[in-house]
Protein backbone atom coordinates (compact mmCIF):
# COMPACT_ATOMS: atom_id res chain seq x y z
CA UNK A 1 106.49 123.06 129.52
CA UNK A 2 102.93 123.63 128.32
CA UNK A 3 100.80 120.84 126.92
CA UNK A 4 97.24 120.53 125.66
CA UNK A 5 95.75 117.76 127.82
CA UNK A 6 92.86 115.91 126.20
CA UNK A 7 89.95 114.83 128.42
CA UNK A 8 87.31 114.68 125.69
CA UNK A 9 86.50 116.51 122.48
CA UNK A 10 85.01 119.48 124.31
CA UNK A 11 87.51 119.51 127.19
CA UNK A 12 91.11 120.15 126.15
CA UNK A 13 93.07 121.98 128.85
CA UNK A 14 96.32 123.91 128.82
CA UNK A 15 98.43 122.27 131.53
CA UNK A 16 102.05 122.12 132.69
CA UNK A 17 104.37 119.10 132.55
CA UNK A 18 108.11 118.74 133.08
CA UNK A 19 110.22 118.88 129.94
CA UNK A 20 111.04 115.21 129.23
CA UNK A 21 114.53 113.99 130.05
CA UNK A 22 116.26 111.97 127.36
CA UNK A 23 118.55 108.98 127.67
CA UNK A 24 121.16 107.36 125.44
CA UNK A 25 120.05 107.02 121.83
CA UNK A 26 117.16 109.47 122.29
CA UNK A 27 116.30 112.96 121.08
CA UNK A 28 114.50 115.97 122.52
CA UNK A 29 112.57 117.80 119.83
CA UNK A 30 111.01 121.24 120.12
CA UNK A 31 107.63 120.94 118.44
CA UNK A 32 107.08 123.76 115.95
CA UNK A 33 103.87 122.51 114.31
CA UNK A 34 101.44 119.70 115.05
CA UNK A 35 98.35 118.83 113.03
CA UNK A 36 95.03 117.71 114.48
CA UNK A 37 94.10 114.41 112.86
CA UNK A 38 90.56 113.15 112.39
CA UNK A 39 91.50 110.18 114.57
CA UNK A 40 92.32 112.57 117.42
CA UNK A 41 88.61 113.37 117.76
CA UNK A 42 87.31 109.78 117.64
CA UNK A 43 86.11 109.61 121.23
CA UNK A 44 85.38 105.88 121.06
CA UNK A 45 89.11 105.46 120.43
CA UNK A 46 90.52 108.17 122.68
CA UNK A 47 88.41 108.34 125.84
CA UNK A 48 89.61 105.00 127.20
CA UNK A 49 93.13 106.45 127.49
CA UNK A 50 92.21 109.99 128.58
CA UNK A 51 93.52 112.22 129.99
CA UNK A 52 96.49 112.27 127.65
CA UNK A 53 98.45 114.50 125.30
CA UNK A 54 97.53 113.70 121.71
CA UNK A 55 99.20 114.78 118.49
CA UNK A 56 101.11 112.56 116.05
CA UNK A 57 101.59 114.79 113.00
CA UNK A 58 104.58 116.84 114.12
CA UNK A 59 107.54 118.74 112.77
CA UNK A 60 110.15 120.42 114.91
CA UNK A 61 113.75 121.11 115.76
CA UNK A 62 116.21 118.90 117.64
CA UNK A 63 117.37 120.65 120.83
CA UNK A 64 119.08 117.77 122.66
CA UNK A 65 120.89 114.68 121.37
CA UNK A 66 121.36 111.61 123.51
CA UNK A 67 124.63 109.74 123.87
CA UNK A 68 125.34 107.53 120.89
CA UNK A 69 123.17 109.37 118.37
CA UNK A 70 125.31 110.13 115.33
CA UNK A 71 122.86 110.69 112.48
CA UNK A 72 121.28 113.83 113.94
CA UNK A 73 122.49 117.01 115.60
CA UNK A 74 121.11 119.96 117.52
CA UNK A 75 119.37 122.35 115.14
CA UNK A 76 118.22 119.74 112.65
CA UNK A 77 114.71 120.29 111.34
CA UNK A 78 112.81 117.01 111.45
CA UNK A 79 109.57 115.14 111.04
CA UNK A 80 109.18 112.37 113.63
CA UNK A 81 106.99 109.31 113.08
CA UNK A 82 105.14 108.29 116.23
CA UNK A 83 104.73 104.62 115.21
CA UNK A 84 107.64 102.61 113.82
CA UNK A 85 107.77 98.93 112.82
CA UNK A 86 110.45 96.45 113.85
CA UNK A 87 111.22 95.61 110.20
CA UNK A 88 112.12 92.03 111.17
CA UNK A 89 108.89 90.23 112.11
CA UNK A 90 106.69 88.02 109.91
CA UNK A 91 104.37 90.93 109.10
CA UNK A 92 107.10 93.42 108.23
CA UNK A 93 108.90 90.89 106.04
CA UNK A 94 105.60 90.24 104.28
CA UNK A 95 105.09 93.94 103.54
CA UNK A 96 102.43 94.44 106.25
CA UNK A 97 104.47 96.83 108.37
CA UNK A 98 101.41 98.48 109.87
CA UNK A 99 100.27 95.13 111.29
CA UNK A 100 103.55 94.87 113.22
CA UNK A 101 103.07 94.64 116.98
CA UNK A 102 106.03 96.96 117.55
CA UNK A 103 104.45 99.64 115.39
CA UNK A 104 101.34 99.55 117.57
CA UNK A 105 103.29 99.93 120.81
CA UNK A 106 105.80 102.66 119.88
CA UNK A 107 105.26 106.38 120.39
CA UNK A 108 107.02 109.54 121.47
CA UNK A 109 106.34 111.24 124.81
CA UNK A 110 104.07 112.93 125.76
CA UNK A 111 102.45 113.72 122.39
CA UNK A 112 102.62 116.33 119.67
CA UNK A 113 100.44 118.93 121.40
CA UNK A 114 103.31 119.86 123.69
CA UNK A 115 106.25 122.22 123.52
CA UNK A 116 108.74 119.34 123.53
CA UNK A 117 108.71 115.59 122.86
CA UNK A 118 111.09 112.83 123.88
CA UNK A 119 111.88 110.54 120.95
CA UNK A 120 112.75 106.98 122.06
CA UNK A 121 115.72 105.07 120.66
CA UNK A 122 113.69 102.89 118.27
CA UNK A 123 111.91 105.93 116.82
CA UNK A 124 115.27 107.68 116.44
CA UNK A 125 116.62 104.68 114.53
CA UNK A 126 113.62 104.20 112.23
CA UNK A 127 111.28 107.18 112.42
CA UNK A 128 113.14 110.50 112.15
CA UNK A 129 113.29 112.27 108.79
CA UNK A 130 115.28 115.41 108.04
CA UNK A 131 113.18 118.19 106.53
CA UNK A 132 114.66 119.69 103.37
CA UNK A 133 114.86 123.48 103.17
CA UNK A 134 111.98 123.38 100.67
CA UNK A 135 109.61 121.90 103.29
CA UNK A 136 108.30 124.15 106.07
CA UNK A 137 107.39 122.90 109.54
CA UNK A 138 103.72 123.32 108.63
CA UNK A 139 104.12 121.27 105.47
CA UNK A 140 106.04 118.67 107.47
CA UNK A 141 102.93 117.91 109.52
CA UNK A 142 101.35 116.44 106.37
CA UNK A 143 104.01 113.77 105.88
CA UNK A 144 102.23 111.23 108.09
CA UNK A 145 98.67 111.72 106.76
CA UNK A 146 99.88 111.78 103.15
CA UNK A 147 101.90 108.62 103.75
CA UNK A 148 98.76 106.87 104.99
CA UNK A 149 97.02 107.90 101.76
CA UNK A 150 99.95 106.71 99.65
CA UNK A 151 99.81 103.31 101.34
CA UNK A 152 96.06 103.00 100.81
CA UNK A 153 96.20 103.88 97.11
CA UNK A 154 99.14 101.57 96.52
CA UNK A 155 97.25 98.67 98.10
CA UNK A 156 94.18 99.57 96.03
CA UNK A 157 96.37 99.69 92.89
CA UNK A 158 95.07 103.03 91.72
CA UNK A 159 96.59 103.98 88.39
CA UNK A 160 96.22 106.22 85.37
CA UNK A 161 92.81 106.00 83.75
CA UNK A 162 91.00 104.61 86.80
CA UNK A 163 87.72 106.25 87.69
CA UNK A 164 87.84 107.10 91.41
CA UNK A 165 85.03 107.97 93.80
CA UNK A 166 86.10 109.57 97.10
CA UNK A 167 83.36 109.58 99.74
CA UNK A 168 84.16 112.19 102.38
CA UNK A 169 86.09 115.34 101.47
CA UNK A 170 87.83 116.13 104.73
CA UNK A 171 91.61 116.29 104.92
CA UNK A 172 92.17 112.60 104.12
CA UNK A 173 89.66 112.76 101.27
CA UNK A 174 91.37 115.82 99.81
CA UNK A 175 94.76 114.12 100.01
CA UNK A 176 93.28 111.09 98.24
CA UNK A 177 91.88 113.38 95.54
CA UNK A 178 95.23 115.09 95.05
CA UNK A 179 97.17 111.83 94.92
CA UNK A 180 94.69 110.26 92.49
CA UNK A 181 94.99 113.37 90.32
CA UNK A 182 98.80 113.10 90.45
CA UNK A 183 98.50 109.45 89.37
CA UNK A 184 96.31 110.62 86.43
CA UNK A 185 93.16 108.83 87.54
CA UNK A 186 90.03 110.15 85.84
CA UNK A 187 87.35 111.03 86.38
CA UNK A 188 87.75 111.76 90.09
CA UNK A 189 84.38 112.24 91.80
CA UNK A 190 84.13 113.66 95.33
CA UNK A 191 81.14 113.25 97.65
CA UNK A 192 80.38 115.07 100.89
CA UNK A 193 77.50 116.54 102.87
CA UNK A 194 79.27 119.89 103.22
CA UNK A 195 79.41 122.52 100.43
CA UNK A 196 82.59 124.08 101.87
CA UNK A 197 84.42 120.78 101.56
CA UNK A 198 83.06 120.09 98.11
CA UNK A 199 84.43 123.44 96.97
CA UNK A 200 87.79 122.39 98.41
CA UNK A 201 87.54 119.05 96.62
CA UNK A 202 87.09 120.85 93.31
CA UNK A 203 90.03 123.13 94.08
CA UNK A 204 92.31 120.20 94.81
CA UNK A 205 91.56 118.14 91.73
CA UNK A 206 88.10 116.56 91.73
CA UNK A 207 86.53 116.54 88.28
CA UNK A 208 83.00 116.25 89.68
CA UNK A 209 81.59 117.05 93.14
CA UNK A 210 78.33 115.60 94.45
CA UNK A 211 76.25 116.08 97.56
CA UNK A 212 75.88 112.84 99.50
CA UNK A 213 72.10 113.19 99.23
CA UNK A 214 72.21 112.81 95.43
CA UNK A 215 71.81 109.55 93.55
CA UNK A 216 75.55 108.98 93.41
CA UNK A 217 75.52 105.76 91.33
CA UNK A 218 73.31 107.39 88.71
CA UNK A 219 75.49 110.51 88.56
CA UNK A 220 78.58 108.32 88.27
CA UNK A 221 77.17 106.64 85.19
CA UNK A 222 76.51 110.07 83.66
CA UNK A 223 80.13 111.21 84.01
CA UNK A 224 81.90 107.87 83.54
CA UNK A 225 80.67 106.56 80.18
CA UNK A 226 77.80 104.64 81.70
CA UNK A 227 79.92 102.81 84.29
CA UNK A 228 80.29 102.93 88.04
CA UNK A 229 83.67 103.66 89.69
CA UNK A 230 86.75 101.46 89.29
CA UNK A 231 87.89 102.46 92.77
CA UNK A 232 85.88 103.79 95.70
CA UNK A 233 87.67 105.29 98.70
CA UNK A 234 85.64 105.71 101.90
CA UNK A 235 87.03 108.55 104.02
CA UNK A 236 84.25 108.88 106.58
CA UNK A 237 82.90 106.63 109.30
CA UNK A 238 79.32 107.71 108.58
CA UNK A 239 77.25 104.58 107.99
CA UNK A 240 75.45 105.78 104.81
CA UNK A 241 78.86 106.07 103.14
CA UNK A 242 79.40 102.32 103.30
CA UNK A 243 76.12 101.53 101.57
CA UNK A 244 76.86 104.22 99.01
CA UNK A 245 80.27 102.71 98.34
CA UNK A 246 78.81 99.23 97.74
CA UNK A 247 76.25 100.69 95.35
CA UNK A 248 78.86 102.71 93.43
CA UNK A 249 81.57 100.17 92.63
CA UNK A 250 81.91 98.78 89.13
CA UNK A 251 82.51 95.16 88.21
CA UNK A 252 86.11 94.18 88.94
CA UNK A 253 86.50 97.24 91.15
CA UNK A 254 88.01 97.82 94.58
CA UNK A 255 86.54 99.56 97.62
CA UNK A 256 89.16 100.95 100.01
CA UNK A 257 87.81 101.45 103.53
CA UNK A 258 90.22 104.17 104.62
CA UNK A 259 87.92 105.15 107.50
CA UNK A 260 85.84 102.83 109.64
CA UNK A 261 82.81 103.11 111.94
CA UNK A 262 83.18 102.65 115.68
CA UNK A 263 83.52 99.12 117.10
CA UNK A 264 80.34 97.08 117.32
CA UNK A 265 78.82 98.50 114.16
CA UNK A 266 78.10 95.83 111.57
CA UNK A 267 77.72 96.56 107.86
CA UNK A 268 75.40 94.25 105.87
CA UNK A 269 77.10 92.93 102.73
CA UNK A 270 75.51 90.91 99.95
CA UNK A 271 78.43 88.60 99.36
CA UNK A 272 76.82 86.94 96.36
CA UNK A 273 76.85 90.22 94.42
CA UNK A 274 80.51 90.83 95.27
CA UNK A 275 81.37 87.28 94.17
CA UNK A 276 79.45 87.60 90.92
CA UNK A 277 81.19 90.87 90.03
CA UNK A 278 84.69 90.15 91.40
CA UNK A 279 84.66 93.14 93.73
CA UNK A 280 87.50 93.57 96.21
CA UNK A 281 86.95 94.99 99.70
CA UNK A 282 90.16 96.41 101.12
CA UNK A 283 91.35 98.18 104.27
CA UNK A 284 94.54 100.08 105.02
CA UNK A 285 95.95 101.36 108.27
CA UNK A 286 98.73 103.83 108.95
CA UNK A 287 101.98 104.18 107.05
CA UNK A 288 105.27 102.32 106.72
CA UNK A 289 108.75 103.89 106.37
CA UNK A 290 108.74 103.75 102.56
CA UNK A 291 105.35 105.49 102.50
CA UNK A 292 106.71 108.28 104.70
CA UNK A 293 109.75 108.73 102.47
CA UNK A 294 107.55 108.97 99.39
CA UNK A 295 105.24 111.48 101.09
CA UNK A 296 108.19 113.68 102.00
CA UNK A 297 109.45 113.61 98.41
CA UNK A 298 106.03 114.49 96.98
CA UNK A 299 105.68 117.42 99.38
CA UNK A 300 109.24 118.59 98.68
CA UNK A 301 108.59 118.51 94.92
CA UNK A 302 105.25 120.35 95.41
CA UNK A 303 103.43 117.50 93.63
CA UNK A 304 100.87 117.55 96.41
CA UNK A 305 99.69 120.98 97.57
CA UNK A 306 99.44 120.70 101.34
CA UNK A 307 100.09 124.32 102.27
CA UNK A 308 96.77 125.53 100.89
CA UNK A 309 94.92 122.84 102.84
CA UNK A 310 95.69 124.62 106.13
CA UNK A 311 92.63 126.56 107.24
CA UNK A 312 93.64 127.41 110.81
CA UNK A 313 96.90 128.06 112.64
CA UNK A 314 96.39 128.14 116.41
CA UNK A 315 98.51 128.45 119.52
CA UNK A 316 98.74 125.71 122.14
CA UNK A 317 96.34 127.67 124.36
CA UNK A 318 93.79 127.52 121.51
CA UNK A 319 93.97 123.74 121.12
CA UNK A 320 90.45 123.36 122.53
CA UNK A 321 89.15 125.58 119.74
CA UNK A 322 91.08 123.51 117.24
CA UNK A 323 89.45 120.31 118.43
CA UNK A 324 86.00 121.91 118.19
CA UNK A 325 86.69 123.02 114.63
CA UNK A 326 87.70 119.49 113.63
CA UNK A 327 84.70 117.92 115.39
CA UNK A 328 82.23 120.35 113.81
CA UNK A 329 83.77 119.81 110.35
CA UNK A 330 82.02 122.85 108.90
CA UNK A 331 84.38 125.48 107.54
CA UNK A 332 87.77 124.07 108.43
CA UNK A 333 90.24 121.80 106.70
CA UNK A 334 93.64 121.24 108.32
CA UNK A 335 94.00 122.73 111.78
CA UNK A 336 97.61 123.23 112.85
CA UNK A 337 98.72 123.81 116.44
CA UNK A 338 101.94 125.81 116.87
CA UNK A 339 103.16 125.05 120.43
CA UNK A 340 105.85 127.73 120.50
CA UNK A 341 103.34 130.58 120.06
């Protein structure tokens, strides 16, 4: 089978690998669509494991069923989660499923940028979701990224009437904007350096869009009755965004660090000011099973418009172009690889 083998962001090669063989309790899935995630192009995270086949936002069709699998059959359309928790450890029982050691060690083989993937037994038991007829393969690739957003906003306790500032209007930022809009947060203010993405932010529900070079705290006060933001969501690893977030949060507010800088980068924080104003700093990572189920339901019900976020549909042989588009982050949003084309 063909795979897109990742060596670095500018070197993604079309190569051949054997179709994986499955064992008892496993599935073989033909990958129909696979999204390129922003984390796929974080070289500080990926190069240490390269060369490898990336891709963890997949939807496809079951073509082989291992002995003992009863819940699924050949021909089923599915989304497959690459990371699954054990659901029994201290962290899972405490609601921190994405801190589970099992979640961090599970995956399917070889990766979503391949014609086929082998789904291990544990993933079959806890990480396979049937796609309803209303959800296309393309839309199914958004289940994982939307679930991550759902988890982050739930932890940040975003609700109706909150003012929300989203810094970074890439795919994750746009999903945050849409979800905040669905939750009736207002006003929703989007910040980015790129006019193309700010136009997209407005299209997908931002009430106000600002260039990152503007005086964001001052503009916030103008559109939010003299106050800063109740919630700030950082969706970029760019260092200026972290300072901007700290300057833009209102008293009693919460900053959600949805994206982070590379390891070794330290962010100066004036703890006294946070203490005085009861400001919460929060992180979120990944998605748990309930988040994935909720994401699927929101996409099925068309509450979140993911289809119009797709800017490029590319074949497996064009994966290198897809990675360049995501790295450049100019006039692209969601880039989908379709391995069967």
